[in-house]
Amino acid sequence: MTSRVVSLDAAFAVLGVAPMDGVAAARAAFRSRVKRLHPDVTPPTTATLTELARIVAAMDYIRANAPVCLEIEISAAQAARGLTRTLRHGDKPLLVRIPAGTRDGTDLAAVGEDRISVTIRVQAEGETPVEPTPDFPDAADLDAFMHEFSRPSVTTRLARWIRKAQSAA
């Protein structure tokens, strides 16, 4: 039986990197150790398979629990009056509320996501934005965000299906 990883520090230690090195260093260490311990390369023994299971569990824990830092660039006028932005992290839509009077370098949390930090970068007045963006999220982004958070769970969908089948009978 393999030992369970219960903290980020322990997960990084299993991979042989420091937590301050980041997820990229953990991913690189994971890949190099998996290449070395994979059953196609190394004869599968109890020790090698146990070590392989430990590093896979550690990387899974890091992927699930490591904090994420994103950046948003806004104009000085937008920072002065505040705005709401949607952005994506992988497949997940995120909503960020930027309060009025936000300063450059402010860290905010995405709505409902404590582990996702968003750093606000405010452009100087003379700079032109690379890509003009509206103050409010467009309808498609907002609809995708609302759909993601209002989607019924698997259990709810199963219960609806069962009720529908029972009422049809």
C-alpha atoms as a PDB file:
ATOM      1  CA  MET A   1       0.000   0.000   0.000  1.00  0.00           C
ATOM      2  CA  THR A   2       1.344   3.437  -0.846  1.00  0.00           C
ATOM      3  CA  SER A   3       1.390   6.344   1.539  1.00  0.00           C
ATOM      4  CA  ARG A   4      -1.040   9.142   0.800  1.00  0.00           C
ATOM      5  CA  VAL A   5       0.146  12.654   0.092  1.00  0.00           C
ATOM      6  CA  VAL A   6      -1.640  15.073   2.418  1.00  0.00           C
ATOM      7  CA  SER A   7       0.055  18.430   1.795  1.00  0.00           C
ATOM      8  CA  LEU A   8       1.656  20.406  -1.004  1.00  0.00           C
ATOM      9  CA  ASP A   9       4.990  20.404   0.823  1.00  0.00           C
ATOM     10  CA  ALA A  10       4.915  16.608   1.036  1.00  0.00           C
ATOM     11  CA  ALA A  11       3.940  16.309  -2.644  1.00  0.00           C
ATOM     12  CA  PHE A  12       6.826  18.528  -3.734  1.00  0.00           C
ATOM     13  CA  ALA A  13       9.189  16.590  -1.424  1.00  0.00           C
ATOM     14  CA  VAL A  14       8.165  13.281  -3.036  1.00  0.00           C
ATOM     15  CA  LEU A  15       9.140  14.739  -6.410  1.00  0.00           C
ATOM     16  CA  GLY A  16      12.400  16.102  -5.008  1.00  0.00           C
ATOM     17  CA  VAL A  17      11.721  19.816  -5.627  1.00  0.00           C
ATOM     18  CA  ALA A  18      11.027  22.735  -3.320  1.00  0.00           C
ATOM     19  CA  PRO A  19       7.522  24.262  -3.278  1.00  0.00           C
ATOM     20  CA  MET A  20       8.969  27.652  -4.258  1.00  0.00           C
ATOM     21  CA  ASP A  21      10.293  26.091  -7.489  1.00  0.00           C
ATOM     22  CA  GLY A  22       6.699  25.911  -8.728  1.00  0.00           C
ATOM     23  CA  VAL A  23       4.492  23.568 -10.665  1.00  0.00           C
ATOM     24  CA  ALA A  24       6.678  23.656 -13.792  1.00  0.00           C
ATOM     25  CA  ALA A  25       9.658  22.265 -11.853  1.00  0.00           C
ATOM     26  CA  ALA A  26       7.430  19.627 -10.250  1.00  0.00           C
ATOM     27  CA  ARG A  27       6.129  18.617 -13.685  1.00  0.00           C
ATOM     28  CA  ALA A  28       9.688  18.313 -15.055  1.00  0.00           C
ATOM     29  CA  ALA A  29      10.798  16.217 -12.065  1.00  0.00           C
ATOM     30  CA  PHE A  30       7.688  14.058 -12.420  1.00  0.00           C
ATOM     31  CA  ARG A  31       8.360  13.388 -16.099  1.00  0.00           C
ATOM     32  CA  SER A  32      12.013  12.497 -15.592  1.00  0.00           C
ATOM     33  CA  ARG A  33      11.230  10.110 -12.732  1.00  0.00           C
ATOM     34  CA  VAL A  34       8.349   8.469 -14.599  1.00  0.00           C
ATOM     35  CA  LYS A  35      10.598   7.908 -17.604  1.00  0.00           C
ATOM     36  CA  ARG A  36      13.130   6.232 -15.333  1.00  0.00           C
ATOM     37  CA  LEU A  37      10.635   4.103 -13.334  1.00  0.00           C
ATOM     38  CA  HIS A  38       8.126   3.168 -16.039  1.00  0.00           C
ATOM     39  CA  PRO A  39       7.586  -0.618 -16.325  1.00  0.00           C
ATOM     40  CA  ASP A  40       8.572  -0.494 -20.023  1.00  0.00           C
ATOM     41  CA  VAL A  41      12.034   0.768 -19.012  1.00  0.00           C
ATOM     42  CA  THR A  42      12.636  -0.694 -15.541  1.00  0.00           C
ATOM     43  CA  PRO A  43      11.615  -4.233 -14.551  1.00  0.00           C
ATOM     44  CA  PRO A  44       8.472  -3.934 -12.423  1.00  0.00           C
ATOM     45  CA  THR A  45       9.263  -4.777  -8.828  1.00  0.00           C
ATOM     46  CA  THR A  46       7.315  -3.944  -5.713  1.00  0.00           C
ATOM     47  CA  ALA A  47       9.739  -1.122  -4.902  1.00  0.00           C
ATOM     48  CA  THR A  48       9.649   0.502  -8.356  1.00  0.00           C
ATOM     49  CA  LEU A  49       5.872   0.232  -8.671  1.00  0.00           C
ATOM     50  CA  THR A  50       5.408   1.660  -5.170  1.00  0.00           C
ATOM     51  CA  GLU A  51       7.699   4.588  -5.986  1.00  0.00           C
ATOM     52  CA  LEU A  52       5.896   5.147  -9.284  1.00  0.00           C
ATOM     53  CA  ALA A  53       2.538   5.180  -7.471  1.00  0.00           C
ATOM     54  CA  ARG A  54       3.919   7.693  -4.936  1.00  0.00           C
ATOM     55  CA  ILE A  55       5.108  10.145  -7.576  1.00  0.00           C
ATOM     56  CA  VAL A  56       1.864   9.838  -9.571  1.00  0.00           C
ATOM     57  CA  ALA A  57      -0.142  10.508  -6.384  1.00  0.00           C
ATOM     58  CA  ALA A  58       2.093  13.489  -5.576  1.00  0.00           C
ATOM     59  CA  MET A  59       1.653  15.022  -9.033  1.00  0.00           C
ATOM     60  CA  ASP A  60      -2.115  14.453  -8.892  1.00  0.00           C
ATOM     61  CA  TYR A  61      -2.211  16.242  -5.530  1.00  0.00           C
ATOM     62  CA  ILE A  62      -0.182  19.170  -6.890  1.00  0.00           C
ATOM     63  CA  ARG A  63      -2.434  19.491  -9.959  1.00  0.00           C
ATOM     64  CA  ALA A  64      -5.540  19.500  -7.765  1.00  0.00           C
ATOM     65  CA  ASN A  65      -4.314  21.812  -4.987  1.00  0.00           C
ATOM     66  CA  ALA A  66      -1.561  24.115  -6.232  1.00  0.00           C
ATOM     67  CA  PRO A  67      -2.523  27.777  -6.320  1.00  0.00           C
ATOM     68  CA  VAL A  68      -2.875  29.384  -9.735  1.00  0.00           C
ATOM     69  CA  CYS A  69      -1.757  32.951 -10.501  1.00  0.00           C
ATOM     70  CA  LEU A  70      -3.158  34.792 -13.529  1.00  0.00           C
ATOM     71  CA  GLU A  71      -2.795  38.384 -14.748  1.00  0.00           C
ATOM     72  CA  ILE A  72      -5.265  40.862 -16.256  1.00  0.00           C
ATOM     73  CA  GLU A  73      -4.218  44.096 -17.945  1.00  0.00           C
ATOM     74  CA  ILE A  74      -6.658  47.023 -17.729  1.00  0.00           C
ATOM     75  CA  SER A  75      -6.533  50.734 -18.502  1.00  0.00           C
ATOM     76  CA  ALA A  76      -6.223  53.427 -15.836  1.00  0.00           C
ATOM     77  CA  ALA A  77      -9.800  54.578 -16.583  1.00  0.00           C
ATOM     78  CA  GLN A  78     -11.138  51.046 -16.049  1.00  0.00           C
ATOM     79  CA  ALA A  79      -9.181  50.760 -12.797  1.00  0.00           C
ATOM     80  CA  ALA A  80     -10.637  54.047 -11.583  1.00  0.00           C
ATOM     81  CA  ARG A  81     -14.272  53.085 -12.181  1.00  0.00           C
ATOM     82  CA  GLY A  82     -14.041  49.287 -11.619  1.00  0.00           C
ATOM     83  CA  LEU A  83     -15.288  46.493 -13.837  1.00  0.00           C
ATOM     84  CA  THR A  84     -16.092  42.801 -14.090  1.00  0.00           C
ATOM     85  CA  ARG A  85     -14.057  40.492 -16.327  1.00  0.00           C
ATOM     86  CA  THR A  86     -14.359  36.897 -17.411  1.00  0.00           C
ATOM     87  CA  LEU A  87     -11.308  34.865 -18.291  1.00  0.00           C
ATOM     88  CA  ARG A  88     -10.533  31.227 -18.805  1.00  0.00           C
ATOM     89  CA  HIS A  89      -8.182  28.920 -16.995  1.00  0.00           C
ATOM     90  CA  GLY A  90      -8.054  25.753 -19.044  1.00  0.00           C
ATOM     91  CA  ASP A  91     -11.684  24.792 -19.701  1.00  0.00           C
ATOM     92  CA  LYS A  92     -12.985  26.689 -16.706  1.00  0.00           C
ATOM     93  CA  PRO A  93     -14.514  30.162 -17.056  1.00  0.00           C
ATOM     94  CA  LEU A  94     -13.640  32.550 -14.230  1.00  0.00           C
ATOM     95  CA  LEU A  95     -15.314  35.756 -13.142  1.00  0.00           C
ATOM     96  CA  VAL A  96     -13.194  38.531 -11.600  1.00  0.00           C
ATOM     97  CA  ARG A  97     -14.712  41.624 -10.011  1.00  0.00           C
ATOM     98  CA  ILE A  98     -12.276  44.517 -10.046  1.00  0.00           C
ATOM     99  CA  PRO A  99     -13.388  47.213  -7.575  1.00  0.00           C
ATOM    100  CA  ALA A 100     -13.178  50.933  -8.336  1.00  0.00           C
ATOM    101  CA  GLY A 101      -9.829  52.475  -7.422  1.00  0.00           C
ATOM    102  CA  THR A 102      -7.792  49.313  -8.016  1.00  0.00           C
ATOM    103  CA  ARG A 103      -4.051  49.942  -8.211  1.00  0.00           C
ATOM    104  CA  ASP A 104      -1.360  48.240 -10.283  1.00  0.00           C
ATOM    105  CA  GLY A 105      -0.207  44.960  -8.735  1.00  0.00           C
ATOM    106  CA  THR A 106      -3.395  44.322  -6.736  1.00  0.00           C
ATOM    107  CA  ASP A 107      -4.105  40.623  -6.174  1.00  0.00           C
ATOM    108  CA  LEU A 108      -7.738  39.517  -6.255  1.00  0.00           C
ATOM    109  CA  ALA A 109      -9.385  36.110  -6.022  1.00  0.00           C
ATOM    110  CA  ALA A 110     -11.631  34.862  -8.801  1.00  0.00           C
ATOM    111  CA  VAL A 111     -15.283  34.605  -7.754  1.00  0.00           C
ATOM    112  CA  GLY A 112     -15.787  31.286  -5.982  1.00  0.00           C
ATOM    113  CA  GLU A 113     -12.180  30.177  -6.518  1.00  0.00           C
ATOM    114  CA  ASP A 114      -9.975  30.782  -3.484  1.00  0.00           C
ATOM    115  CA  ARG A 115      -6.923  29.096  -4.993  1.00  0.00           C
ATOM    116  CA  ILE A 116      -6.946  31.200  -8.166  1.00  0.00           C
ATOM    117  CA  SER A 117      -5.258  34.568  -7.701  1.00  0.00           C
ATOM    118  CA  VAL A 118      -5.518  37.291 -10.325  1.00  0.00           C
ATOM    119  CA  THR A 119      -2.951  40.106 -10.431  1.00  0.00           C
ATOM    120  CA  ILE A 120      -4.202  43.373 -11.911  1.00  0.00           C
ATOM    121  CA  ARG A 121      -1.811  45.283 -14.182  1.00  0.00           C
ATOM    122  CA  VAL A 122      -2.885  48.890 -14.812  1.00  0.00           C
ATOM    123  CA  GLN A 123      -1.558  50.531 -17.969  1.00  0.00           C
ATOM    124  CA  ALA A 124      -0.247  54.083 -17.783  1.00  0.00           C
ATOM    125  CA  GLU A 125      -2.397  56.788 -19.390  1.00  0.00           C
ATOM    126  CA  GLY A 126      -0.082  57.206 -22.412  1.00  0.00           C
ATOM    127  CA  GLU A 127       0.071  53.489 -23.231  1.00  0.00           C
ATOM    128  CA  THR A 128      -2.291  52.081 -25.797  1.00  0.00           C
ATOM    129  CA  PRO A 129      -3.912  48.775 -24.947  1.00  0.00           C
ATOM    130  CA  VAL A 130      -2.775  45.847 -27.035  1.00  0.00           C
ATOM    131  CA  GLU A 131      -6.314  44.564 -27.348  1.00  0.00           C
ATOM    132  CA  PRO A 132      -9.260  46.808 -26.469  1.00  0.00           C
ATOM    133  CA  THR A 133     -11.669  45.032 -24.157  1.00  0.00           C
ATOM    134  CA  PRO A 134     -15.140  46.047 -23.014  1.00  0.00           C
ATOM    135  CA  ASP A 135     -15.797  46.976 -19.385  1.00  0.00           C
ATOM    136  CA  PHE A 136     -18.348  44.209 -19.020  1.00  0.00           C
ATOM    137  CA  PRO A 137     -17.984  40.605 -20.136  1.00  0.00           C
ATOM    138  CA  ASP A 138     -19.560  39.840 -23.467  1.00  0.00           C
ATOM    139  CA  ALA A 139     -22.739  37.781 -23.529  1.00  0.00           C
ATOM    140  CA  ALA A 140     -21.062  34.566 -24.719  1.00  0.00           C
ATOM    141  CA  ASP A 141     -18.462  34.624 -21.910  1.00  0.00           C
ATOM    142  CA  LEU A 142     -21.080  35.423 -19.296  1.00  0.00           C
ATOM    143  CA  ASP A 143     -23.412  32.700 -20.606  1.00  0.00           C
ATOM    144  CA  ALA A 144     -20.559  30.159 -20.527  1.00  0.00           C
ATOM    145  CA  PHE A 145     -19.705  31.201 -16.974  1.00  0.00           C
ATOM    146  CA  MET A 146     -23.334  30.945 -15.813  1.00  0.00           C
ATOM    147  CA  HIS A 147     -23.790  27.581 -17.556  1.00  0.00           C
ATOM    148  CA  GLU A 148     -20.665  26.210 -15.857  1.00  0.00           C
ATOM    149  CA  PHE A 149     -21.890  27.127 -12.382  1.00  0.00           C
ATOM    150  CA  SER A 150     -25.563  26.349 -12.891  1.00  0.00           C
ATOM    151  CA  ARG A 151     -25.071  22.963 -14.523  1.00  0.00           C
ATOM    152  CA  PRO A 152     -26.765  20.245 -12.470  1.00  0.00           C
ATOM    153  CA  SER A 153     -24.563  17.627 -10.881  1.00  0.00           C
ATOM    154  CA  VAL A 154     -24.393  14.044 -12.122  1.00  0.00           C
ATOM    155  CA  THR A 155     -26.522  12.945  -9.164  1.00  0.00           C
ATOM    156  CA  THR A 156     -29.197  15.521  -9.970  1.00  0.00           C
ATOM    157  CA  ARG A 157     -29.303  14.502 -13.630  1.00  0.00           C
ATOM    158  CA  LEU A 158     -29.619  10.821 -12.632  1.00  0.00           C
ATOM    159  CA  ALA A 159     -32.462  11.640 -10.235  1.00  0.00           C
ATOM    160  CA  ARG A 160     -34.288  13.571 -12.988  1.00  0.00           C
ATOM    161  CA  TRP A 161     -33.832  10.680 -15.398  1.00  0.00           C
ATOM    162  CA  ILE A 162     -35.207   8.202 -12.842  1.00  0.00           C
ATOM    163  CA  ARG A 163     -38.203  10.439 -12.092  1.00  0.00           C
ATOM    164  CA  LYS A 164     -38.867  10.862 -15.806  1.00  0.00           C
ATOM    165  CA  ALA A 165     -38.703   7.098 -16.378  1.00  0.00           C
ATOM    166  CA  GLN A 166     -41.050   6.450 -13.440  1.00  0.00           C
ATOM    167  CA  SER A 167     -43.609   8.998 -14.609  1.00  0.00           C
ATOM    168  CA  ALA A 168     -43.565   7.504 -18.123  1.00  0.00           C
ATOM    169  CA  ALA A 169     -44.351   4.038 -16.760  1.00  0.00           C
END
